[in-house]
Each structure stands twice: as structure tokens, then as C-alpha cells.
Amino acid sequence: MPTYQYKCANNHVHEEERSIKENQYVINCLECGETLKPVFFAPAVNLVGRGFYSNGG
């Protein structure tokens, strides 16, 4: 199940693990009560196998 990260206007961060199929709903910050907005970031990429550069690791 993916983990989603949210941030409020006061920079409090909240992580939640839930199914992609679940409906999106409004989440309020547990610390200040502000509405949390999703934080978008690039997923980690691991390139392995033939054809990818190796630095000895």
C-alpha cells in the first residue's frame, strides 16, 4: 500500500498509508487543525541489469 505525505500551511507534515482505490477526502492537521495538502515528489528509481553503468557496488 502506498504512503502519502501531506503538509499544512504551518509546515506540519503528516504521512498516511492507504489504498489508491480509496476516495480522496479532506484531512486536517493533527497539530493545528489546518487543511493538509498533498506533497508530490518523484519516486525512487533503481536501474539494475545489463546496460546500466556500475561504479563497483
C-alpha atoms as a PDB file:
ATOM      1  CA  MET A   1       0.000   0.000   0.000  1.00  0.00           C
ATOM      2  CA  PRO A   2       1.474   3.411  -0.905  1.00  0.00           C
ATOM      3  CA  THR A   3       2.335   6.050   1.670  1.00  0.00           C
ATOM      4  CA  TYR A   4       1.091   9.575   1.019  1.00  0.00           C
ATOM      5  CA  GLN A   5       2.664  12.678   2.526  1.00  0.00           C
ATOM      6  CA  TYR A   6       0.682  15.817   3.376  1.00  0.00           C
ATOM      7  CA  LYS A   7       1.707  19.274   4.599  1.00  0.00           C
ATOM      8  CA  CYS A   8      -0.307  22.119   6.155  1.00  0.00           C
ATOM      9  CA  ALA A   9       0.181  25.895   5.821  1.00  0.00           C
ATOM     10  CA  ASN A  10       2.180  25.829   9.087  1.00  0.00           C
ATOM     11  CA  ASN A  11       4.619  23.249   7.607  1.00  0.00           C
ATOM     12  CA  HIS A  12       3.471  20.324   9.767  1.00  0.00           C
ATOM     13  CA  VAL A  13       3.962  17.045   7.883  1.00  0.00           C
ATOM     14  CA  HIS A  14       1.628  14.043   8.090  1.00  0.00           C
ATOM     15  CA  GLU A  15       2.061  10.652   6.401  1.00  0.00           C
ATOM     16  CA  GLU A  16      -0.768   8.243   5.697  1.00  0.00           C
ATOM     17  CA  GLU A  17      -0.734   4.738   4.262  1.00  0.00           C
ATOM     18  CA  ARG A  18      -3.821   3.845   2.241  1.00  0.00           C
ATOM     19  CA  SER A  19      -5.058   2.184  -0.920  1.00  0.00           C
ATOM     20  CA  ILE A  20      -5.019   4.021  -4.256  1.00  0.00           C
ATOM     21  CA  LYS A  21      -8.662   2.978  -4.695  1.00  0.00           C
ATOM     22  CA  GLU A  22      -9.766   4.894  -1.583  1.00  0.00           C
ATOM     23  CA  ASN A  23     -11.627   8.133  -2.170  1.00  0.00           C
ATOM     24  CA  GLN A  24      -9.728  11.351  -1.603  1.00  0.00           C
ATOM     25  CA  TYR A  25     -11.011  13.197   1.431  1.00  0.00           C
ATOM     26  CA  VAL A  26     -10.124  16.352   3.349  1.00  0.00           C
ATOM     27  CA  ILE A  27      -7.540  15.743   6.053  1.00  0.00           C
ATOM     28  CA  ASN A  28      -6.911  18.224   8.849  1.00  0.00           C
ATOM     29  CA  CYS A  29      -3.575  18.660  10.606  1.00  0.00           C
ATOM     30  CA  LEU A  30      -3.453  16.910  13.977  1.00  0.00           C
ATOM     31  CA  GLU A  31      -1.277  19.700  15.431  1.00  0.00           C
ATOM     32  CA  CYS A  32      -3.010  22.908  14.286  1.00  0.00           C
ATOM     33  CA  GLY A  33      -6.251  21.896  12.529  1.00  0.00           C
ATOM     34  CA  GLU A  34      -5.312  23.442   9.148  1.00  0.00           C
ATOM     35  CA  THR A  35      -6.242  21.595   5.955  1.00  0.00           C
ATOM     36  CA  LEU A  36      -3.452  19.319   4.732  1.00  0.00           C
ATOM     37  CA  LYS A  37      -2.419  19.382   1.079  1.00  0.00           C
ATOM     38  CA  PRO A  38      -0.645  16.506  -0.692  1.00  0.00           C
ATOM     39  CA  VAL A  39       3.109  16.767  -1.218  1.00  0.00           C
ATOM     40  CA  PHE A  40       4.189  15.498  -4.641  1.00  0.00           C
ATOM     41  CA  PHE A  41       7.658  14.100  -5.187  1.00  0.00           C
ATOM     42  CA  ALA A  42       9.438  11.875  -7.695  1.00  0.00           C
ATOM     43  CA  PRO A  43       9.599   8.167  -6.869  1.00  0.00           C
ATOM     44  CA  ALA A  44      12.949   6.462  -6.296  1.00  0.00           C
ATOM     45  CA  VAL A  45      14.384   4.780  -9.389  1.00  0.00           C
ATOM     46  CA  ASN A  46      16.788   1.847  -9.220  1.00  0.00           C
ATOM     47  CA  LEU A  47      18.428   0.989 -12.553  1.00  0.00           C
ATOM     48  CA  VAL A  48      19.919  -2.508 -12.479  1.00  0.00           C
ATOM     49  CA  GLY A  49      20.796  -5.141 -15.009  1.00  0.00           C
ATOM     50  CA  ARG A  50      22.755  -5.234 -18.237  1.00  0.00           C
ATOM     51  CA  GLY A  51      23.313  -1.925 -19.953  1.00  0.00           C
ATOM     52  CA  PHE A  52      23.452   0.253 -16.838  1.00  0.00           C
ATOM     53  CA  TYR A  53      26.683   1.758 -15.548  1.00  0.00           C
ATOM     54  CA  SER A  54      28.164   0.176 -12.421  1.00  0.00           C
ATOM     55  CA  ASN A  55      30.546   2.000 -10.108  1.00  0.00           C
ATOM     56  CA  GLY A  56      31.751  -1.154  -8.365  1.00  0.00           C
ATOM     57  CA  GLY A  57      28.867  -1.508  -5.914  1.00  0.00           C
END
